[in-house]
Amino acid sequence: MRHSLLSKALHALLALSITHQLLISLVMEEPHPPRRPIETAFQLHAWVGVVSFGVIIAVWIWTLVRRSEAGVGAFVPWFSAARRRAVIDDLRAYAVALPRLQLPDSTAHSAFANAVHGLGLLLATYLAATGFAVYMQMAADGSMTRLGHMLADWHGALANVMWAYLIGHAAMALLHQVMGEGLLRKMWTIRG
């Protein structure tokens, strides 16, 4: 399946923003006014988070309107018996191929891969939305309402899940590349 230039650009922006947010979260400190003011890493995390939320909204809109690539139904197959069956069939193809040290052909439509991408997008949406809500609840000095603190806890609760998703997603892409499919070249070049 060929991906449009807009899909590739949005994927790149999403990958860069998620990677940035995860890496900077390792060095930032949450402000606790008046003892500890907002520091640069936290501000950068907040500002890039707001931009990331916009990127995620753009991804969802593009997923809704595009016609030649996987749409929302493929990313969220859980509400359709036929789509759930396709995901299960795809998982069976992986179960048959993996013991032979092979992978199913990624150039074909993959219901499982689309569902995994959808889960990642839902996770990113959750993190960006809760992060944006925290940002909106925070005063200039870093103080927050009780709701802001609760949202910050919810935001942080799934950050490690995003680490696992990012590592697993990148590892699978590398595995497909090593197995000779040229997946990275196809995804990260302008031509296709």
N, C-alpha and C. Protein backbone atom coordinates (compact mmCIF):
# COMPACT_ATOMS: atom_id res chain seq x y z
N MET A 1 0.84 -1.17 0.00
CA MET A 1 0.00 0.00 0.00
C MET A 1 0.88 1.24 0.00
N ARG A 2 0.62 2.14 -0.92
CA ARG A 2 1.37 3.39 -0.99
C ARG A 2 0.75 4.40 -0.04
N HIS A 3 1.61 5.17 0.57
CA HIS A 3 1.14 6.21 1.48
C HIS A 3 1.33 7.56 0.80
N SER A 4 0.36 8.44 0.96
CA SER A 4 0.45 9.77 0.37
C SER A 4 1.52 10.59 1.08
N LEU A 5 1.94 11.65 0.41
CA LEU A 5 2.95 12.53 0.99
C LEU A 5 2.42 13.16 2.29
N LEU A 6 1.13 13.51 2.33
CA LEU A 6 0.56 14.07 3.55
C LEU A 6 0.58 13.05 4.69
N SER A 7 0.26 11.79 4.39
CA SER A 7 0.32 10.75 5.43
C SER A 7 1.73 10.60 5.97
N LYS A 8 2.71 10.61 5.07
CA LYS A 8 4.10 10.49 5.49
C LYS A 8 4.53 11.68 6.34
N ALA A 9 4.13 12.88 5.93
CA ALA A 9 4.50 14.09 6.67
C ALA A 9 3.86 14.08 8.06
N LEU A 10 2.58 13.71 8.13
CA LEU A 10 1.92 13.66 9.44
C LEU A 10 2.53 12.57 10.32
N HIS A 11 2.88 11.43 9.73
CA HIS A 11 3.52 10.35 10.48
C HIS A 11 4.87 10.82 11.03
N ALA A 12 5.63 11.53 10.20
CA ALA A 12 6.93 12.05 10.64
C ALA A 12 6.76 13.05 11.77
N LEU A 13 5.81 13.97 11.63
CA LEU A 13 5.56 14.96 12.69
C LEU A 13 5.13 14.28 13.98
N LEU A 14 4.28 13.28 13.85
CA LEU A 14 3.81 12.54 15.02
C LEU A 14 4.97 11.80 15.68
N ALA A 15 5.79 11.13 14.89
CA ALA A 15 6.93 10.39 15.43
C ALA A 15 7.92 11.34 16.12
N LEU A 16 8.21 12.46 15.49
CA LEU A 16 9.14 13.43 16.09
C LEU A 16 8.57 14.03 17.38
N SER A 17 7.30 14.38 17.36
CA SER A 17 6.73 15.01 18.56
C SER A 17 6.63 14.02 19.72
N ILE A 18 6.23 12.78 19.44
CA ILE A 18 6.14 11.78 20.51
C ILE A 18 7.52 11.47 21.07
N THR A 19 8.50 11.30 20.18
CA THR A 19 9.86 11.02 20.63
C THR A 19 10.39 12.17 21.48
N HIS A 20 10.17 13.40 21.00
CA HIS A 20 10.60 14.58 21.77
C HIS A 20 9.95 14.59 23.15
N GLN A 21 8.63 14.40 23.19
CA GLN A 21 7.91 14.48 24.46
C GLN A 21 8.39 13.42 25.45
N LEU A 22 8.63 12.22 24.95
CA LEU A 22 9.11 11.16 25.84
C LEU A 22 10.52 11.45 26.34
N LEU A 23 11.40 11.89 25.45
CA LEU A 23 12.78 12.17 25.85
C LEU A 23 12.87 13.33 26.83
N ILE A 24 12.16 14.41 26.54
CA ILE A 24 12.25 15.58 27.43
C ILE A 24 11.59 15.30 28.79
N SER A 25 10.64 14.38 28.80
CA SER A 25 10.01 14.05 30.09
C SER A 25 11.00 13.39 31.04
N LEU A 26 12.09 12.87 30.50
CA LEU A 26 13.11 12.24 31.35
C LEU A 26 13.91 13.25 32.16
N VAL A 27 13.98 14.51 31.67
CA VAL A 27 14.82 15.51 32.34
C VAL A 27 14.02 16.67 32.95
N MET A 28 12.74 16.76 32.66
CA MET A 28 11.97 17.89 33.18
C MET A 28 11.50 17.62 34.60
N GLU A 29 11.19 18.71 35.28
CA GLU A 29 10.64 18.63 36.63
C GLU A 29 9.33 19.39 36.66
N GLU A 30 8.30 18.75 37.22
CA GLU A 30 7.01 19.43 37.34
C GLU A 30 7.16 20.58 38.33
N PRO A 31 6.62 21.76 37.99
CA PRO A 31 6.74 22.90 38.92
C PRO A 31 5.89 22.68 40.17
N HIS A 32 6.40 23.21 41.27
CA HIS A 32 5.66 23.17 42.54
C HIS A 32 5.79 24.56 43.18
N PRO A 33 5.02 25.53 42.67
CA PRO A 33 5.12 26.90 43.20
C PRO A 33 4.79 26.94 44.68
N PRO A 34 5.37 27.79 45.48
CA PRO A 34 6.38 28.76 45.07
C PRO A 34 7.80 28.20 45.18
N ARG A 35 7.96 26.95 45.63
CA ARG A 35 9.30 26.38 45.84
C ARG A 35 10.07 26.22 44.54
N ARG A 36 9.40 25.71 43.50
CA ARG A 36 10.11 25.43 42.25
C ARG A 36 9.30 26.00 41.10
N PRO A 37 9.83 27.03 40.42
CA PRO A 37 9.11 27.63 39.30
C PRO A 37 9.16 26.73 38.06
N ILE A 38 8.43 27.12 37.05
CA ILE A 38 8.45 26.38 35.78
C ILE A 38 9.85 26.48 35.18
N GLU A 39 10.42 25.36 34.82
CA GLU A 39 11.75 25.36 34.21
C GLU A 39 11.63 25.13 32.71
N THR A 40 12.72 25.34 31.98
CA THR A 40 12.72 25.35 30.53
C THR A 40 12.26 24.02 29.94
N ALA A 41 12.71 22.91 30.46
CA ALA A 41 12.33 21.61 29.90
C ALA A 41 10.83 21.39 30.04
N PHE A 42 10.26 21.78 31.17
CA PHE A 42 8.82 21.63 31.36
C PHE A 42 8.06 22.53 30.39
N GLN A 43 8.51 23.77 30.23
CA GLN A 43 7.87 24.69 29.28
C GLN A 43 7.93 24.13 27.87
N LEU A 44 9.08 23.61 27.48
CA LEU A 44 9.23 23.04 26.15
C LEU A 44 8.29 21.84 25.97
N HIS A 45 8.18 21.01 26.99
CA HIS A 45 7.26 19.87 26.95
C HIS A 45 5.82 20.36 26.77
N ALA A 46 5.46 21.41 27.48
CA ALA A 46 4.10 21.95 27.38
C ALA A 46 3.85 22.54 25.99
N TRP A 47 4.76 23.33 25.48
CA TRP A 47 4.55 23.99 24.19
C TRP A 47 4.54 22.98 23.04
N VAL A 48 5.48 22.06 23.05
CA VAL A 48 5.49 21.02 22.01
C VAL A 48 4.27 20.13 22.16
N GLY A 49 3.81 19.94 23.38
CA GLY A 49 2.59 19.16 23.60
C GLY A 49 1.38 19.80 22.96
N VAL A 50 1.26 21.12 23.06
CA VAL A 50 0.14 21.82 22.42
C VAL A 50 0.21 21.65 20.91
N VAL A 51 1.40 21.80 20.34
CA VAL A 51 1.57 21.60 18.89
C VAL A 51 1.28 20.14 18.52
N SER A 52 1.73 19.22 19.36
CA SER A 52 1.48 17.79 19.11
C SER A 52 -0.01 17.47 19.10
N PHE A 53 -0.75 18.11 19.98
CA PHE A 53 -2.20 17.91 20.02
C PHE A 53 -2.80 18.35 18.68
N GLY A 54 -2.31 19.45 18.14
CA GLY A 54 -2.76 19.90 16.82
C GLY A 54 -2.41 18.91 15.72
N VAL A 55 -1.21 18.34 15.79
CA VAL A 55 -0.80 17.33 14.81
C VAL A 55 -1.71 16.11 14.89
N ILE A 56 -2.03 15.68 16.09
CA ILE A 56 -2.89 14.50 16.27
C ILE A 56 -4.29 14.77 15.73
N ILE A 57 -4.79 15.97 15.98
CA ILE A 57 -6.10 16.33 15.41
C ILE A 57 -6.04 16.28 13.89
N ALA A 58 -4.94 16.79 13.31
CA ALA A 58 -4.78 16.75 11.85
C ALA A 58 -4.72 15.31 11.34
N VAL A 59 -4.04 14.43 12.07
CA VAL A 59 -3.98 13.01 11.68
C VAL A 59 -5.38 12.41 11.67
N TRP A 60 -6.16 12.67 12.72
CA TRP A 60 -7.52 12.12 12.77
C TRP A 60 -8.38 12.67 11.63
N ILE A 61 -8.27 13.95 11.35
CA ILE A 61 -9.05 14.53 10.25
C ILE A 61 -8.64 13.91 8.93
N TRP A 62 -7.33 13.78 8.71
CA TRP A 62 -6.85 13.18 7.47
C TRP A 62 -7.31 11.73 7.36
N THR A 63 -7.29 11.01 8.47
CA THR A 63 -7.74 9.62 8.48
C THR A 63 -9.23 9.53 8.15
N LEU A 64 -10.00 10.52 8.56
CA LEU A 64 -11.43 10.53 8.26
C LEU A 64 -11.73 10.81 6.78
N VAL A 65 -10.93 11.67 6.15
CA VAL A 65 -11.28 12.12 4.79
C VAL A 65 -10.53 11.40 3.67
N ARG A 66 -9.41 10.78 3.97
CA ARG A 66 -8.64 10.15 2.89
C ARG A 66 -9.39 8.94 2.34
N ARG A 67 -9.12 8.63 1.08
CA ARG A 67 -9.87 7.55 0.44
C ARG A 67 -8.98 6.38 -0.01
N SER A 68 -7.73 6.62 -0.33
CA SER A 68 -6.90 5.55 -0.88
C SER A 68 -6.04 4.86 0.17
N GLU A 69 -6.19 5.23 1.42
CA GLU A 69 -5.41 4.62 2.50
C GLU A 69 -6.36 4.17 3.61
N ALA A 70 -5.80 3.48 4.58
CA ALA A 70 -6.62 2.98 5.69
C ALA A 70 -7.33 4.14 6.38
N GLY A 71 -8.59 3.93 6.69
CA GLY A 71 -9.39 4.95 7.35
C GLY A 71 -9.63 4.62 8.81
N VAL A 72 -10.52 5.36 9.41
CA VAL A 72 -10.81 5.21 10.84
C VAL A 72 -11.28 3.79 11.16
N GLY A 73 -12.11 3.22 10.29
CA GLY A 73 -12.62 1.87 10.53
C GLY A 73 -11.51 0.84 10.62
N ALA A 74 -10.44 1.01 9.83
CA ALA A 74 -9.30 0.09 9.90
C ALA A 74 -8.49 0.31 11.17
N PHE A 75 -8.41 1.58 11.63
CA PHE A 75 -7.64 1.90 12.83
C PHE A 75 -8.39 1.52 14.11
N VAL A 76 -9.70 1.52 14.05
CA VAL A 76 -10.53 1.19 15.21
C VAL A 76 -11.52 0.09 14.78
N PRO A 77 -11.01 -1.14 14.62
CA PRO A 77 -11.85 -2.21 14.06
C PRO A 77 -12.79 -2.89 15.05
N TRP A 78 -12.76 -2.45 16.30
CA TRP A 78 -13.42 -3.19 17.38
C TRP A 78 -14.95 -3.16 17.32
N PHE A 79 -15.51 -2.28 16.49
CA PHE A 79 -16.97 -2.15 16.44
C PHE A 79 -17.58 -2.85 15.22
N SER A 80 -16.77 -3.60 14.49
CA SER A 80 -17.25 -4.29 13.29
C SER A 80 -16.81 -5.76 13.37
N ALA A 81 -17.79 -6.66 13.26
CA ALA A 81 -17.46 -8.09 13.32
C ALA A 81 -16.51 -8.48 12.18
N ALA A 82 -16.73 -7.96 10.99
CA ALA A 82 -15.87 -8.29 9.85
C ALA A 82 -14.44 -7.78 10.07
N ARG A 83 -14.32 -6.58 10.61
CA ARG A 83 -12.97 -6.04 10.85
C ARG A 83 -12.27 -6.78 11.99
N ARG A 84 -13.02 -7.14 13.03
CA ARG A 84 -12.41 -7.93 14.12
C ARG A 84 -11.92 -9.27 13.58
N ARG A 85 -12.73 -9.90 12.72
CA ARG A 85 -12.35 -11.17 12.11
C ARG A 85 -11.08 -11.01 11.26
N ALA A 86 -10.99 -9.90 10.53
CA ALA A 86 -9.80 -9.64 9.70
C ALA A 86 -8.55 -9.49 10.58
N VAL A 87 -8.68 -8.84 11.73
CA VAL A 87 -7.55 -8.70 12.65
C VAL A 87 -7.13 -10.08 13.16
N ILE A 88 -8.09 -10.90 13.54
CA ILE A 88 -7.79 -12.25 14.03
C ILE A 88 -7.14 -13.09 12.93
N ASP A 89 -7.65 -13.01 11.71
CA ASP A 89 -7.05 -13.75 10.60
C ASP A 89 -5.61 -13.30 10.36
N ASP A 90 -5.39 -12.00 10.47
CA ASP A 90 -4.04 -11.46 10.31
C ASP A 90 -3.11 -11.96 11.41
N LEU A 91 -3.61 -12.00 12.64
CA LEU A 91 -2.81 -12.55 13.75
C LEU A 91 -2.46 -14.01 13.50
N ARG A 92 -3.40 -14.76 12.94
CA ARG A 92 -3.11 -16.16 12.60
C ARG A 92 -2.01 -16.26 11.56
N ALA A 93 -2.01 -15.34 10.59
CA ALA A 93 -0.94 -15.33 9.57
C ALA A 93 0.41 -15.09 10.24
N TYR A 94 0.45 -14.20 11.24
CA TYR A 94 1.69 -13.98 11.98
C TYR A 94 2.08 -15.24 12.76
N ALA A 95 1.11 -15.88 13.38
CA ALA A 95 1.39 -17.09 14.17
C ALA A 95 1.95 -18.20 13.29
N VAL A 96 1.52 -18.28 12.05
CA VAL A 96 2.03 -19.30 11.12
C VAL A 96 3.42 -18.91 10.61
N ALA A 97 3.62 -17.63 10.34
CA ALA A 97 4.88 -17.18 9.73
C ALA A 97 6.04 -17.10 10.73
N LEU A 98 5.79 -16.65 11.94
CA LEU A 98 6.87 -16.42 12.90
C LEU A 98 7.68 -17.66 13.26
N PRO A 99 7.07 -18.84 13.48
CA PRO A 99 7.89 -20.02 13.78
C PRO A 99 8.85 -20.38 12.64
N ARG A 100 8.53 -19.96 11.43
CA ARG A 100 9.42 -20.20 10.28
C ARG A 100 10.39 -19.03 10.08
N LEU A 101 10.44 -18.13 11.07
CA LEU A 101 11.28 -16.93 11.01
C LEU A 101 10.96 -16.08 9.78
N GLN A 102 9.67 -15.94 9.53
CA GLN A 102 9.18 -15.11 8.44
C GLN A 102 8.16 -14.13 9.01
N LEU A 103 7.81 -13.17 8.17
CA LEU A 103 6.74 -12.24 8.51
C LEU A 103 5.75 -12.22 7.36
N PRO A 104 4.47 -12.03 7.67
CA PRO A 104 3.52 -11.87 6.57
C PRO A 104 3.91 -10.65 5.74
N ASP A 105 3.51 -10.64 4.49
CA ASP A 105 3.84 -9.56 3.57
C ASP A 105 3.22 -8.26 4.05
N SER A 106 4.06 -7.25 4.34
CA SER A 106 3.54 -5.97 4.83
C SER A 106 3.04 -5.08 3.69
N THR A 107 3.30 -5.47 2.45
CA THR A 107 2.83 -4.66 1.34
C THR A 107 1.34 -4.86 1.12
N ALA A 108 0.81 -5.97 1.60
CA ALA A 108 -0.63 -6.22 1.50
C ALA A 108 -1.34 -5.48 2.63
N HIS A 109 -2.63 -5.31 2.49
CA HIS A 109 -3.43 -4.68 3.55
C HIS A 109 -3.32 -5.54 4.81
N SER A 110 -2.97 -4.95 5.92
CA SER A 110 -2.82 -5.68 7.16
C SER A 110 -3.77 -5.13 8.20
N ALA A 111 -4.80 -5.89 8.49
CA ALA A 111 -5.78 -5.47 9.49
C ALA A 111 -5.13 -5.34 10.87
N PHE A 112 -4.22 -6.26 11.20
CA PHE A 112 -3.55 -6.22 12.49
C PHE A 112 -2.67 -4.98 12.61
N ALA A 113 -1.87 -4.71 11.57
CA ALA A 113 -0.99 -3.52 11.60
C ALA A 113 -1.82 -2.24 11.71
N ASN A 114 -2.92 -2.16 10.98
CA ASN A 114 -3.78 -0.98 11.08
C ASN A 114 -4.37 -0.84 12.48
N ALA A 115 -4.78 -1.96 13.09
CA ALA A 115 -5.34 -1.91 14.45
C ALA A 115 -4.28 -1.46 15.44
N VAL A 116 -3.05 -1.92 15.27
CA VAL A 116 -1.95 -1.50 16.15
C VAL A 116 -1.67 -0.02 15.97
N HIS A 117 -1.66 0.45 14.72
CA HIS A 117 -1.49 1.89 14.48
C HIS A 117 -2.62 2.67 15.15
N GLY A 118 -3.83 2.15 15.07
CA GLY A 118 -4.97 2.81 15.71
C GLY A 118 -4.82 2.89 17.21
N LEU A 119 -4.34 1.80 17.82
CA LEU A 119 -4.12 1.82 19.28
C LEU A 119 -3.07 2.86 19.65
N GLY A 120 -2.02 2.95 18.85
CA GLY A 120 -0.99 3.96 19.10
C GLY A 120 -1.54 5.37 18.96
N LEU A 121 -2.37 5.57 17.94
CA LEU A 121 -2.96 6.89 17.74
C LEU A 121 -3.93 7.23 18.87
N LEU A 122 -4.70 6.25 19.33
CA LEU A 122 -5.59 6.48 20.47
C LEU A 122 -4.79 6.83 21.73
N LEU A 123 -3.68 6.13 21.95
CA LEU A 123 -2.83 6.40 23.10
C LEU A 123 -2.23 7.81 23.01
N ALA A 124 -1.73 8.16 21.83
CA ALA A 124 -1.17 9.50 21.63
C ALA A 124 -2.25 10.57 21.82
N THR A 125 -3.44 10.28 21.37
CA THR A 125 -4.55 11.23 21.53
C THR A 125 -4.87 11.43 23.01
N TYR A 126 -4.93 10.33 23.75
CA TYR A 126 -5.17 10.40 25.20
C TYR A 126 -4.10 11.26 25.88
N LEU A 127 -2.83 10.98 25.58
CA LEU A 127 -1.74 11.72 26.22
C LEU A 127 -1.77 13.20 25.84
N ALA A 128 -2.01 13.49 24.56
CA ALA A 128 -2.04 14.88 24.12
C ALA A 128 -3.25 15.62 24.70
N ALA A 129 -4.39 14.95 24.73
CA ALA A 129 -5.60 15.61 25.26
C ALA A 129 -5.48 15.86 26.76
N THR A 130 -4.99 14.89 27.51
CA THR A 130 -4.83 15.12 28.96
C THR A 130 -3.74 16.15 29.22
N GLY A 131 -2.67 16.10 28.42
CA GLY A 131 -1.61 17.10 28.57
C GLY A 131 -2.11 18.51 28.25
N PHE A 132 -2.91 18.63 27.20
CA PHE A 132 -3.49 19.92 26.84
C PHE A 132 -4.42 20.42 27.95
N ALA A 133 -5.20 19.51 28.52
CA ALA A 133 -6.10 19.89 29.61
C ALA A 133 -5.30 20.35 30.82
N VAL A 134 -4.19 19.71 31.12
CA VAL A 134 -3.32 20.15 32.21
C VAL A 134 -2.79 21.55 31.91
N TYR A 135 -2.33 21.74 30.69
CA TYR A 135 -1.80 23.05 30.26
C TYR A 135 -2.85 24.15 30.47
N MET A 136 -4.10 23.84 30.16
CA MET A 136 -5.18 24.82 30.30
C MET A 136 -5.52 25.08 31.77
N GLN A 137 -5.19 24.15 32.66
CA GLN A 137 -5.48 24.29 34.09
C GLN A 137 -4.32 24.92 34.86
N MET A 138 -3.21 25.21 34.16
CA MET A 138 -2.01 25.69 34.83
C MET A 138 -1.89 27.21 34.73
N ALA A 139 -1.57 27.84 35.84
CA ALA A 139 -1.33 29.28 35.87
C ALA A 139 0.08 29.56 35.37
N ALA A 140 0.37 30.82 35.13
CA ALA A 140 1.68 31.22 34.61
C ALA A 140 2.83 30.83 35.55
N ASP A 141 2.56 30.77 36.85
CA ASP A 141 3.61 30.41 37.80
C ASP A 141 3.75 28.89 37.98
N GLY A 142 2.91 28.13 37.29
CA GLY A 142 2.98 26.67 37.38
C GLY A 142 1.99 26.07 38.35
N SER A 143 1.27 26.89 39.09
CA SER A 143 0.29 26.34 40.02
C SER A 143 -0.91 25.81 39.24
N MET A 144 -1.56 24.79 39.83
CA MET A 144 -2.68 24.15 39.16
C MET A 144 -3.85 23.98 40.11
N THR A 145 -4.99 23.84 39.52
CA THR A 145 -6.19 23.52 40.28
C THR A 145 -6.14 22.05 40.68
N ARG A 146 -7.06 21.64 41.53
CA ARG A 146 -7.17 20.23 41.91
C ARG A 146 -7.43 19.38 40.67
N LEU A 147 -8.30 19.87 39.78
CA LEU A 147 -8.57 19.17 38.51
C LEU A 147 -7.29 19.04 37.69
N GLY A 148 -6.49 20.10 37.65
CA GLY A 148 -5.22 20.05 36.91
C GLY A 148 -4.29 18.98 37.44
N HIS A 149 -4.20 18.86 38.76
CA HIS A 149 -3.35 17.82 39.36
C HIS A 149 -3.87 16.42 39.03
N MET A 150 -5.20 16.26 39.08
CA MET A 150 -5.78 14.96 38.74
C MET A 150 -5.50 14.62 37.28
N LEU A 151 -5.66 15.58 36.39
CA LEU A 151 -5.38 15.35 34.96
C LEU A 151 -3.90 15.05 34.73
N ALA A 152 -3.03 15.72 35.47
CA ALA A 152 -1.59 15.45 35.36
C ALA A 152 -1.27 14.01 35.76
N ASP A 153 -1.94 13.53 36.79
CA ASP A 153 -1.75 12.13 37.20
C ASP A 153 -2.22 11.19 36.09
N TRP A 154 -3.38 11.48 35.51
CA TRP A 154 -3.88 10.65 34.41
C TRP A 154 -2.94 10.69 33.22
N HIS A 155 -2.41 11.88 32.94
CA HIS A 155 -1.48 12.06 31.82
C HIS A 155 -0.24 11.19 32.01
N GLY A 156 0.31 11.25 33.21
CA GLY A 156 1.54 10.49 33.48
C GLY A 156 1.32 8.99 33.59
N ALA A 157 0.09 8.59 33.86
CA ALA A 157 -0.19 7.17 34.10
C ALA A 157 0.10 6.29 32.89
N LEU A 158 -0.05 6.82 31.69
CA LEU A 158 0.15 5.99 30.49
C LEU A 158 1.41 6.36 29.70
N ALA A 159 2.25 7.20 30.27
CA ALA A 159 3.48 7.59 29.56
C ALA A 159 4.37 6.38 29.29
N ASN A 160 4.49 5.47 30.24
CA ASN A 160 5.33 4.28 30.03
C ASN A 160 4.74 3.36 28.97
N VAL A 161 3.43 3.36 28.84
CA VAL A 161 2.79 2.57 27.79
C VAL A 161 3.20 3.13 26.42
N MET A 162 3.30 4.46 26.33
CA MET A 162 3.74 5.06 25.06
C MET A 162 5.19 4.71 24.78
N TRP A 163 6.04 4.67 25.81
CA TRP A 163 7.42 4.21 25.61
C TRP A 163 7.43 2.80 25.00
N ALA A 164 6.64 1.91 25.58
CA ALA A 164 6.58 0.53 25.08
C ALA A 164 6.06 0.50 23.65
N TYR A 165 5.04 1.29 23.36
CA TYR A 165 4.49 1.32 22.00
C TYR A 165 5.53 1.82 21.02
N LEU A 166 6.21 2.92 21.35
CA LEU A 166 7.20 3.51 20.45
C LEU A 166 8.34 2.53 20.17
N ILE A 167 8.83 1.89 21.21
CA ILE A 167 9.93 0.93 21.04
C ILE A 167 9.46 -0.27 20.21
N GLY A 168 8.29 -0.80 20.53
CA GLY A 168 7.76 -1.94 19.78
C GLY A 168 7.47 -1.59 18.33
N HIS A 169 6.90 -0.42 18.10
CA HIS A 169 6.58 0.01 16.74
C HIS A 169 7.84 0.16 15.89
N ALA A 170 8.83 0.82 16.47
CA ALA A 170 10.10 1.01 15.75
C ALA A 170 10.80 -0.34 15.52
N ALA A 171 10.74 -1.22 16.52
CA ALA A 171 11.37 -2.54 16.38
C ALA A 171 10.71 -3.36 15.27
N MET A 172 9.40 -3.31 15.19
CA MET A 172 8.71 -4.05 14.11
C MET A 172 9.04 -3.47 12.74
N ALA A 173 9.14 -2.16 12.65
CA ALA A 173 9.52 -1.54 11.37
C ALA A 173 10.92 -1.98 10.97
N LEU A 174 11.84 -1.99 11.94
CA LEU A 174 13.21 -2.45 11.65
C LEU A 174 13.23 -3.92 11.28
N LEU A 175 12.43 -4.72 11.95
CA LEU A 175 12.36 -6.15 11.62
C LEU A 175 11.86 -6.36 10.19
N HIS A 176 10.82 -5.65 9.80
CA HIS A 176 10.33 -5.74 8.43
C HIS A 176 11.41 -5.28 7.44
N GLN A 177 12.17 -4.25 7.82
CA GLN A 177 13.24 -3.76 6.96
C GLN A 177 14.33 -4.82 6.79
N VAL A 178 14.75 -5.40 7.92
CA VAL A 178 15.80 -6.42 7.90
C VAL A 178 15.37 -7.66 7.12
N MET A 179 14.08 -7.96 7.16
CA MET A 179 13.56 -9.12 6.43
C MET A 179 13.45 -8.86 4.94
N GLY A 180 13.88 -7.68 4.49
CA GLY A 180 13.98 -7.40 3.07
C GLY A 180 12.79 -6.72 2.42
N GLU A 181 11.88 -6.17 3.22
CA GLU A 181 10.71 -5.54 2.64
C GLU A 181 10.91 -4.08 2.27
N GLY A 182 11.98 -3.46 2.72
CA GLY A 182 12.23 -2.06 2.41
C GLY A 182 11.18 -1.12 2.99
N LEU A 183 10.61 -1.50 4.11
CA LEU A 183 9.51 -0.74 4.71
C LEU A 183 9.92 0.68 5.10
N LEU A 184 11.10 0.83 5.68
CA LEU A 184 11.54 2.16 6.10
C LEU A 184 11.75 3.08 4.90
N ARG A 185 12.34 2.56 3.86
CA ARG A 185 12.53 3.35 2.65
C ARG A 185 11.19 3.81 2.10
N LYS A 186 10.22 2.92 2.07
CA LYS A 186 8.90 3.27 1.55
C LYS A 186 8.21 4.33 2.41
N MET A 187 8.36 4.22 3.71
CA MET A 187 7.68 5.15 4.60
C MET A 187 8.37 6.50 4.69
N TRP A 188 9.69 6.51 4.62
CA TRP A 188 10.43 7.75 4.88
C TRP A 188 11.01 8.42 3.65
N THR A 189 10.58 8.01 2.46
CA THR A 189 11.00 8.73 1.26
C THR A 189 9.79 9.44 0.67
N ILE A 190 10.06 10.48 -0.06
CA ILE A 190 8.98 11.27 -0.65
C ILE A 190 8.30 10.52 -1.77
N ARG A 191 9.05 9.74 -2.55
CA ARG A 191 8.50 9.07 -3.73
C ARG A 191 7.57 7.92 -3.40
N GLY A 192 7.86 7.11 -2.47
CA GLY A 192 6.95 6.00 -2.21
C GLY A 192 7.65 4.77 -1.86
